[in-house]
N, C-alpha and C. Protein backbone atom coordinates (compact mmCIF):
# COMPACT_ATOMS: atom_id res chain seq x y z
N UNK A 1 84.11 94.53 114.82
CA UNK A 1 85.05 93.40 114.06
C UNK A 1 85.17 92.26 114.70
N UNK A 2 85.39 91.10 114.02
CA UNK A 2 85.37 89.72 114.72
C UNK A 2 86.77 89.94 115.37
N UNK A 3 86.88 89.57 116.63
CA UNK A 3 87.88 89.61 117.86
C UNK A 3 88.93 88.81 117.64
N UNK A 4 89.08 87.61 116.64
CA UNK A 4 90.02 86.82 116.24
C UNK A 4 90.79 87.74 115.18
N UNK A 5 90.06 88.31 114.14
CA UNK A 5 90.65 89.19 113.04
C UNK A 5 91.48 90.36 113.79
N UNK A 6 90.89 91.27 114.77
CA UNK A 6 91.23 92.11 115.11
C UNK A 6 92.63 91.50 116.01
N UNK A 7 92.93 90.76 116.59
CA UNK A 7 94.34 90.34 117.15
C UNK A 7 94.96 90.15 116.23
N UNK A 8 94.72 89.42 115.07
CA UNK A 8 95.46 88.83 113.94
C UNK A 8 96.07 90.11 113.54
N UNK A 9 95.03 91.22 113.39
CA UNK A 9 95.60 92.38 112.38
C UNK A 9 96.53 93.10 113.57
N UNK A 10 96.31 93.25 114.67
CA UNK A 10 97.24 93.93 115.49
C UNK A 10 98.44 93.48 115.79
N UNK A 11 98.68 92.22 115.28
CA UNK A 11 99.97 91.44 115.45
C UNK A 11 100.88 91.72 114.21
N UNK A 12 100.29 92.30 112.83
CA UNK A 12 100.67 92.34 111.84
C UNK A 12 101.81 93.26 112.00
N UNK A 13 102.23 94.76 112.47
CA UNK A 13 103.04 95.34 112.63
C UNK A 13 104.25 95.11 113.07
N UNK A 14 104.30 94.34 114.24
CA UNK A 14 105.29 93.69 114.83
C UNK A 14 105.92 92.70 113.92
N UNK A 15 104.70 91.60 113.38
CA UNK A 15 105.36 90.64 112.52
C UNK A 15 106.36 91.12 111.04
N UNK A 16 105.64 92.16 110.76
CA UNK A 16 106.43 92.86 109.51
C UNK A 16 107.70 93.27 110.09
N UNK A 17 107.65 94.06 110.97
CA UNK A 17 109.19 94.76 111.33
C UNK A 17 110.11 93.42 111.84
N UNK A 18 109.97 92.32 112.32
CA UNK A 18 110.83 90.89 112.69
C UNK A 18 111.06 90.45 110.98
N UNK A 19 110.18 90.72 110.00
CA UNK A 19 110.28 90.13 108.87
C UNK A 19 111.64 91.14 108.22
N UNK A 20 111.39 92.05 108.24
CA UNK A 20 112.35 93.14 107.94
C UNK A 20 113.66 93.35 108.59
N UNK A 21 113.54 92.64 109.88
CA UNK A 21 114.92 92.85 110.59
C UNK A 21 115.44 91.00 110.55
N UNK A 22 115.07 90.50 109.98
CA UNK A 22 115.68 89.08 109.94
C UNK A 22 116.72 89.30 108.96
N UNK A 23 117.91 88.59 109.24
CA UNK A 23 119.05 88.80 108.60
C UNK A 23 118.99 87.87 107.15
N UNK A 24 119.50 88.85 106.01
CA UNK A 24 119.11 88.23 104.78
C UNK A 24 120.11 87.15 104.45
N UNK A 25 120.18 86.20 103.58
CA UNK A 25 120.72 85.14 103.03
C UNK A 25 120.46 84.71 101.45
N UNK A 26 121.73 84.09 100.98
CA UNK A 26 121.47 83.96 99.40
C UNK A 26 121.34 82.57 99.38
N UNK A 27 121.57 81.87 100.15
CA UNK A 27 121.58 80.27 100.02
C UNK A 27 119.92 79.66 99.71
N UNK A 28 119.50 79.18 98.80
CA UNK A 28 118.30 79.06 98.39
C UNK A 28 118.23 77.16 98.59
N UNK A 29 117.06 76.74 99.30
CA UNK A 29 116.69 75.37 99.15
C UNK A 29 117.85 74.53 99.97
N UNK A 30 118.05 74.80 101.18
CA UNK A 30 119.15 74.14 101.85
C UNK A 30 118.33 73.50 102.95
N UNK A 31 118.71 72.73 103.55
CA UNK A 31 118.35 71.49 104.63
C UNK A 31 117.68 72.09 105.70
N UNK A 32 118.31 73.48 106.45
CA UNK A 32 118.07 73.82 107.51
C UNK A 32 116.51 74.61 107.11
N UNK A 33 116.23 74.93 105.96
CA UNK A 33 114.63 75.62 105.44
C UNK A 33 113.92 74.90 105.36
N UNK A 34 113.97 73.36 105.46
CA UNK A 34 113.18 72.28 105.43
C UNK A 34 111.93 72.27 106.40
N UNK A 35 110.66 72.31 105.94
CA UNK A 35 109.41 72.36 106.62
C UNK A 35 109.46 73.59 107.38
N UNK A 36 110.05 74.85 106.97
CA UNK A 36 109.97 75.91 107.75
C UNK A 36 108.61 76.77 107.03
N UNK A 37 107.76 76.96 107.99
CA UNK A 37 106.29 77.90 107.35
C UNK A 37 106.31 79.27 107.67
N UNK A 38 106.27 79.99 106.85
CA UNK A 38 105.91 81.38 106.81
C UNK A 38 106.22 82.53 105.48
N UNK A 39 106.88 83.50 105.89
CA UNK A 39 106.63 84.67 104.97
C UNK A 39 108.21 84.91 104.70
N UNK A 40 108.52 85.01 103.22
CA UNK A 40 109.71 85.04 102.84
C UNK A 40 109.92 86.54 101.56
N UNK A 41 111.04 87.18 101.73
CA UNK A 41 111.06 88.32 100.65
C UNK A 41 112.24 87.84 99.85
N UNK A 42 112.19 88.57 98.44
CA UNK A 42 113.19 88.47 97.72
C UNK A 42 113.79 90.14 97.38
N UNK A 43 115.06 90.34 97.80
CA UNK A 43 115.42 91.67 97.73
C UNK A 43 116.43 91.43 96.39
N UNK A 44 116.46 92.71 95.93
CA UNK A 44 117.46 93.10 94.75
C UNK A 44 117.82 94.64 94.80
N UNK A 45 119.30 94.64 94.69
CA UNK A 45 119.80 95.77 94.85
C UNK A 45 119.27 96.57 96.12
N UNK A 46 119.04 95.83 97.31
CA UNK A 46 118.63 96.36 98.76
C UNK A 46 117.02 96.98 98.49
N UNK A 47 116.61 96.58 97.63
CA UNK A 47 115.06 96.75 97.63
C UNK A 47 114.39 95.30 97.44
N UNK A 48 112.98 95.20 98.25
CA UNK A 48 112.21 94.21 98.25
C UNK A 48 111.58 94.28 97.00
N UNK A 49 111.42 93.09 96.13
CA UNK A 49 110.71 92.93 94.70
C UNK A 49 109.71 91.68 94.59
N UNK A 50 109.67 90.89 95.96
CA UNK A 50 108.65 89.72 95.94
C UNK A 50 108.59 89.37 97.49
N UNK A 51 107.12 89.69 97.96
CA UNK A 51 107.00 88.61 99.26
C UNK A 51 106.21 87.24 98.62
N UNK A 52 106.23 86.27 99.35
CA UNK A 52 105.73 85.06 99.12
C UNK A 52 105.22 84.22 100.62
N UNK A 53 104.48 83.57 100.55
CA UNK A 53 104.49 82.72 101.78
C UNK A 53 104.69 81.17 101.21
N UNK A 54 105.01 80.43 102.34
CA UNK A 54 105.40 79.17 101.84
C UNK A 54 104.76 78.07 103.40
N UNK A 55 104.70 77.01 103.14
CA UNK A 55 104.65 75.93 103.93
C UNK A 55 106.05 74.78 104.11
N UNK A 56 106.72 75.49 103.11
CA UNK A 56 108.11 74.36 103.47
C UNK A 56 108.86 75.24 102.60
N UNK A 57 110.08 76.08 103.28
CA UNK A 57 110.97 77.07 102.63
C UNK A 57 111.90 76.37 101.68
N UNK A 58 112.68 75.26 102.15
CA UNK A 58 113.50 74.73 101.20
C UNK A 58 112.88 74.55 99.88
N UNK A 59 111.74 73.39 100.23
CA UNK A 59 110.99 73.13 98.89
C UNK A 59 110.64 74.14 97.77
N UNK A 60 109.90 75.56 98.37
CA UNK A 60 109.79 76.70 97.48
C UNK A 60 110.89 77.38 96.95
N UNK A 61 112.03 77.69 97.93
CA UNK A 61 112.93 78.43 97.38
C UNK A 61 113.81 77.59 96.17
N UNK A 62 113.65 76.14 96.54
CA UNK A 62 114.52 75.34 95.29
C UNK A 62 113.69 75.51 94.33
N UNK A 63 112.39 75.93 94.44
CA UNK A 63 111.46 75.73 93.05
C UNK A 63 111.83 76.93 92.34
N UNK A 64 111.95 78.41 93.25
CA UNK A 64 112.01 79.21 92.64
C UNK A 64 113.52 79.56 92.01
N UNK A 65 114.48 78.81 91.81
CA UNK A 65 115.59 78.83 91.47
C UNK A 65 115.79 77.67 90.46
N UNK A 66 114.58 76.77 90.16
CA UNK A 66 114.68 75.56 89.39
C UNK A 66 114.64 76.06 87.90
N UNK A 67 115.04 75.28 86.97
CA UNK A 67 114.66 75.52 85.46
C UNK A 67 113.36 75.22 85.04
N UNK A 68 112.46 74.95 85.98
CA UNK A 68 111.05 74.86 85.44
C UNK A 68 110.26 76.05 85.58
N UNK A 69 109.49 76.23 84.48
CA UNK A 69 108.83 77.45 84.11
C UNK A 69 107.27 77.48 85.07
N UNK A 70 107.24 76.10 85.78
CA UNK A 70 105.95 76.03 86.56
C UNK A 70 106.67 76.40 88.16
N UNK A 71 107.49 75.35 88.46
CA UNK A 71 107.75 76.24 90.01
C UNK A 71 108.66 77.49 89.97
N UNK A 72 109.56 77.97 89.20
CA UNK A 72 110.37 79.14 88.91
C UNK A 72 108.92 80.36 88.59
N UNK A 73 107.96 80.34 89.13
CA UNK A 73 106.95 81.56 88.87
C UNK A 73 107.23 82.72 88.71
N UNK A 74 107.99 83.07 89.99
CA UNK A 74 108.77 84.79 89.90
C UNK A 74 109.50 84.69 88.84
N UNK A 75 110.21 83.93 88.28
CA UNK A 75 111.13 84.42 87.19
C UNK A 75 110.58 84.14 86.05
N UNK A 76 109.75 83.29 85.75
CA UNK A 76 108.80 83.49 84.40
C UNK A 76 107.96 84.92 84.72
N UNK A 77 107.23 85.14 85.65
CA UNK A 77 106.74 86.39 85.51
C UNK A 77 107.36 87.43 85.16
N UNK A 78 108.67 87.54 85.74
CA UNK A 78 109.18 88.57 85.60
C UNK A 78 109.60 88.69 83.90
N UNK A 79 109.89 87.52 83.46
CA UNK A 79 110.02 87.09 82.18
C UNK A 79 108.69 87.55 80.75
N UNK A 80 107.74 87.21 81.49
CA UNK A 80 106.99 87.63 80.71
C UNK A 80 106.55 89.51 80.78
N UNK A 81 107.05 90.12 81.65
CA UNK A 81 106.93 91.51 81.77
C UNK A 81 107.87 92.25 81.11
N UNK A 82 109.19 91.48 81.19
CA UNK A 82 110.26 92.18 80.32
C UNK A 82 109.74 91.82 78.88
N UNK A 83 109.53 90.79 78.47
CA UNK A 83 109.51 90.40 77.15
C UNK A 83 107.89 91.23 76.55
N UNK A 84 107.04 91.95 77.23
CA UNK A 84 105.85 92.26 77.15
C UNK A 84 104.90 91.25 76.72
N UNK A 85 104.90 90.05 77.42
CA UNK A 85 103.83 89.00 76.88
C UNK A 85 102.47 88.88 78.12
N UNK A 86 101.56 88.70 77.69
CA UNK A 86 100.13 88.62 78.79
C UNK A 86 100.36 86.75 78.63
N UNK A 87 99.97 86.86 79.92
CA UNK A 87 99.62 85.46 80.58
C UNK A 87 98.31 84.72 79.53
N UNK A 88 98.35 83.96 79.13
CA UNK A 88 97.28 83.07 78.31
C UNK A 88 96.85 81.75 78.71
N UNK A 89 95.97 80.72 78.49
CA UNK A 89 95.71 79.47 78.77
C UNK A 89 95.48 78.72 77.16
N UNK A 90 95.51 79.31 76.24
CA UNK A 90 95.43 79.14 74.70
C UNK A 90 97.19 78.22 74.59
N UNK A 91 96.87 77.40 73.62
CA UNK A 91 98.66 76.54 73.25
C UNK A 91 99.34 77.78 72.88
N UNK A 92 98.74 78.55 72.08
CA UNK A 92 99.72 79.76 71.41
C UNK A 92 99.84 80.83 72.55
N UNK A 93 101.10 81.15 72.87
CA UNK A 93 101.22 81.85 74.36
C UNK A 93 101.45 81.37 75.31
N UNK A 94 101.19 79.77 75.77
CA UNK A 94 100.97 79.11 76.79
C UNK A 94 102.34 79.19 77.42
N UNK A 95 102.43 78.74 78.45
CA UNK A 95 104.11 78.51 79.33
C UNK A 95 105.10 77.62 78.56
N UNK A 96 104.40 76.77 78.01
CA UNK A 96 105.51 75.86 77.38
C UNK A 96 105.72 76.60 75.87
N UNK A 97 104.70 76.75 75.14
CA UNK A 97 104.88 77.57 73.96
C UNK A 97 106.12 78.53 73.97
N UNK A 98 105.90 79.46 75.13
CA UNK A 98 107.00 80.44 75.45
C UNK A 98 108.10 80.26 75.72
N UNK A 99 108.41 78.91 76.48
CA UNK A 99 109.50 78.32 76.81
C UNK A 99 110.34 77.68 75.56
N UNK A 100 109.43 77.35 74.59
CA UNK A 100 110.07 77.01 73.23
C UNK A 100 110.16 77.89 72.12
N UNK A 101 110.07 79.36 72.70
CA UNK A 101 110.73 80.41 72.13
C UNK A 101 111.88 80.73 72.38
N UNK A 102 112.80 80.66 71.46
CA UNK A 102 114.23 81.08 71.91
C UNK A 102 114.63 82.25 72.51
N UNK A 103 114.17 83.54 72.11
CA UNK A 103 114.17 84.56 72.98
C UNK A 103 113.53 84.90 74.17
N UNK A 104 112.44 84.13 74.50
CA UNK A 104 111.51 83.97 75.88
C UNK A 104 112.30 83.18 76.68
N UNK A 105 112.65 81.91 76.18
CA UNK A 105 113.93 80.91 77.10
C UNK A 105 115.00 82.04 77.47
N UNK A 106 115.26 82.67 76.47
CA UNK A 106 116.77 83.33 76.97
C UNK A 106 116.36 84.54 78.01
N UNK A 107 115.66 84.80 77.94
CA UNK A 107 114.71 85.92 79.04
C UNK A 107 114.67 85.28 80.19
N UNK A 108 113.83 83.96 80.22
CA UNK A 108 113.72 83.53 81.51
C UNK A 108 114.90 82.81 82.07
N UNK A 109 115.97 82.53 81.48
CA UNK A 109 117.19 82.35 81.99
C UNK A 109 117.96 83.45 82.36
N UNK A 110 117.85 84.49 81.87
CA UNK A 110 118.38 85.85 82.64
C UNK A 110 117.62 85.97 84.03
N UNK A 111 116.55 85.83 83.92
CA UNK A 111 115.88 86.00 85.34
C UNK A 111 116.03 85.29 86.39
N UNK A 112 115.97 84.11 85.98
CA UNK A 112 116.17 83.03 86.80
C UNK A 112 117.66 83.42 87.57
N UNK A 113 118.74 83.80 86.82
CA UNK A 113 119.94 83.95 87.26
C UNK A 113 119.88 85.51 87.96
N UNK A 114 118.93 86.09 87.97
CA UNK A 114 118.58 87.41 89.01
C UNK A 114 118.09 86.93 90.16
N UNK A 115 117.22 85.87 90.26
CA UNK A 115 116.38 85.31 91.41
C UNK A 115 117.37 84.76 92.05
N UNK A 116 118.28 83.97 91.18
CA UNK A 116 119.33 83.08 92.39
C UNK A 116 120.35 84.08 93.07
N UNK A 117 120.66 85.22 92.51
CA UNK A 117 121.43 86.23 92.99
C UNK A 117 120.44 86.89 94.26
N UNK A 118 119.53 87.12 94.21
CA UNK A 118 118.63 87.69 95.27
C UNK A 118 118.66 87.49 96.54
N UNK A 119 118.60 88.17 97.71
CA UNK A 119 118.74 88.09 98.72
C UNK A 119 117.43 87.83 99.34
N UNK A 120 117.34 86.60 100.46
CA UNK A 120 116.13 86.28 101.01
C UNK A 120 115.94 86.75 102.50
N UNK A 121 114.83 87.01 102.85
CA UNK A 121 114.60 87.03 104.34
C UNK A 121 113.49 86.51 104.84
N UNK A 122 113.52 85.80 105.66
CA UNK A 122 112.43 84.73 106.25
C UNK A 122 111.90 84.84 107.71
N UNK A 123 110.65 84.66 107.97
CA UNK A 123 110.24 84.73 109.10
C UNK A 123 109.11 83.67 109.14
N UNK A 124 109.43 82.80 110.18
CA UNK A 124 108.87 81.77 110.62
C UNK A 124 107.47 82.12 111.07
N UNK A 125 106.41 81.94 110.47
CA UNK A 125 104.84 82.04 111.00
C UNK A 125 104.19 81.25 110.81
N UNK A 126 103.93 80.26 111.97
CA UNK A 126 103.23 78.80 111.95
C UNK A 126 101.95 78.96 111.84
N UNK A 127 101.19 80.08 112.23
CA UNK A 127 99.78 79.91 112.30
C UNK A 127 99.38 80.89 110.67
N UNK A 128 98.52 80.02 109.90
CA UNK A 128 97.90 80.04 108.46
C UNK A 128 97.30 81.62 108.36
N UNK A 129 96.80 82.11 109.23
CA UNK A 129 95.88 83.08 109.34
C UNK A 129 96.91 84.16 109.18
N UNK A 130 97.93 84.07 110.01
CA UNK A 130 98.99 85.38 110.07
C UNK A 130 99.75 85.25 108.91
N UNK A 131 99.94 83.92 108.49
CA UNK A 131 100.84 83.87 107.40
C UNK A 131 100.02 84.89 106.26
N UNK A 132 99.04 84.83 105.64
CA UNK A 132 97.97 84.89 104.61
C UNK A 132 97.90 86.42 105.13
N UNK A 133 97.58 87.10 106.22
CA UNK A 133 97.59 88.53 106.41
C UNK A 133 98.91 89.22 106.58
N UNK A 134 99.83 88.44 106.73
CA UNK A 134 101.13 89.17 106.70
C UNK A 134 101.83 89.45 105.37
N UNK A 135 101.30 88.35 104.63
CA UNK A 135 101.86 88.13 103.11
C UNK A 135 101.23 89.83 102.62
N UNK A 136 100.13 89.64 102.93
CA UNK A 136 99.34 90.77 102.17
C UNK A 136 99.94 92.46 102.90
N UNK A 137 100.06 92.68 104.17
CA UNK A 137 100.67 93.50 104.65
C UNK A 137 101.76 94.22 104.11
N UNK A 138 102.47 93.04 104.21
CA UNK A 138 103.77 93.10 103.79
C UNK A 138 103.56 93.92 102.33
N UNK A 139 103.26 93.40 101.14
CA UNK A 139 102.87 93.69 99.97
C UNK A 139 102.37 95.18 99.98
N UNK A 140 101.45 95.34 100.75
CA UNK A 140 101.09 96.81 100.96
C UNK A 140 102.02 97.53 101.42
N UNK A 141 102.50 97.45 102.47
CA UNK A 141 103.73 98.27 103.29
C UNK A 141 104.65 98.76 102.03
N UNK A 142 105.13 97.63 101.36
CA UNK A 142 106.12 97.95 100.35
C UNK A 142 106.12 98.51 99.09
N UNK A 143 104.38 98.04 99.13
CA UNK A 143 104.21 99.38 97.78
C UNK A 143 104.46 98.47 96.52
N UNK A 144 104.68 97.11 96.74
CA UNK A 144 104.53 96.15 95.86
C UNK A 144 103.14 95.85 95.08
N UNK A 145 102.97 95.51 93.86
CA UNK A 145 101.59 95.28 92.92
C UNK A 145 101.14 94.05 93.57
N UNK A 146 99.67 94.17 93.74
CA UNK A 146 98.88 93.02 94.15
C UNK A 146 98.42 92.01 92.71
N UNK A 147 99.31 92.17 91.99
CA UNK A 147 99.11 91.23 90.89
C UNK A 147 99.54 89.84 91.20
N UNK A 148 100.31 89.88 92.58
CA UNK A 148 100.78 88.41 92.93
C UNK A 148 99.63 87.64 93.53
N UNK A 149 98.72 88.40 93.79
CA UNK A 149 97.75 87.53 94.44
C UNK A 149 96.45 87.11 93.50
N UNK A 150 96.74 87.16 92.16
CA UNK A 150 95.87 86.83 91.31
C UNK A 150 95.94 85.30 91.32
N UNK A 151 97.07 84.49 91.66
CA UNK A 151 97.34 83.37 91.73
C UNK A 151 96.90 82.51 92.93
N UNK A 152 96.30 83.56 93.97
CA UNK A 152 96.04 82.77 95.23
C UNK A 152 94.60 82.36 95.48
């Protein structure tokens, strides 16, 4: 095995423990979060429901709670799942088309409110290799779906 990869892999359990031990917070998009790189989680009812990677925590968290169906991708994905709608790149069923549908827009607003209420944990991880590996490791450890990686 490549020695650099092996060393990075050996760091993952400790980094994961540090992430899970981080103090949770509700504030999203605050100045103290600016330009912080690392891994974050969203928790709902005490369970981690999302793991993400970012180069700017403030910007990413603001995006997650904005009314934009492009930057609030987690809320949008949850809306599609709740409504039983698959992703498509055709005009019919596109993001904009779905947002123009009153029932879907209402579900998006509901999911956005849920994301806004979720607790966040964050671990600053400056090394991009550690970030990529820790994101995958955390998803696997937490038993979350790998579908999040379809957009990476």
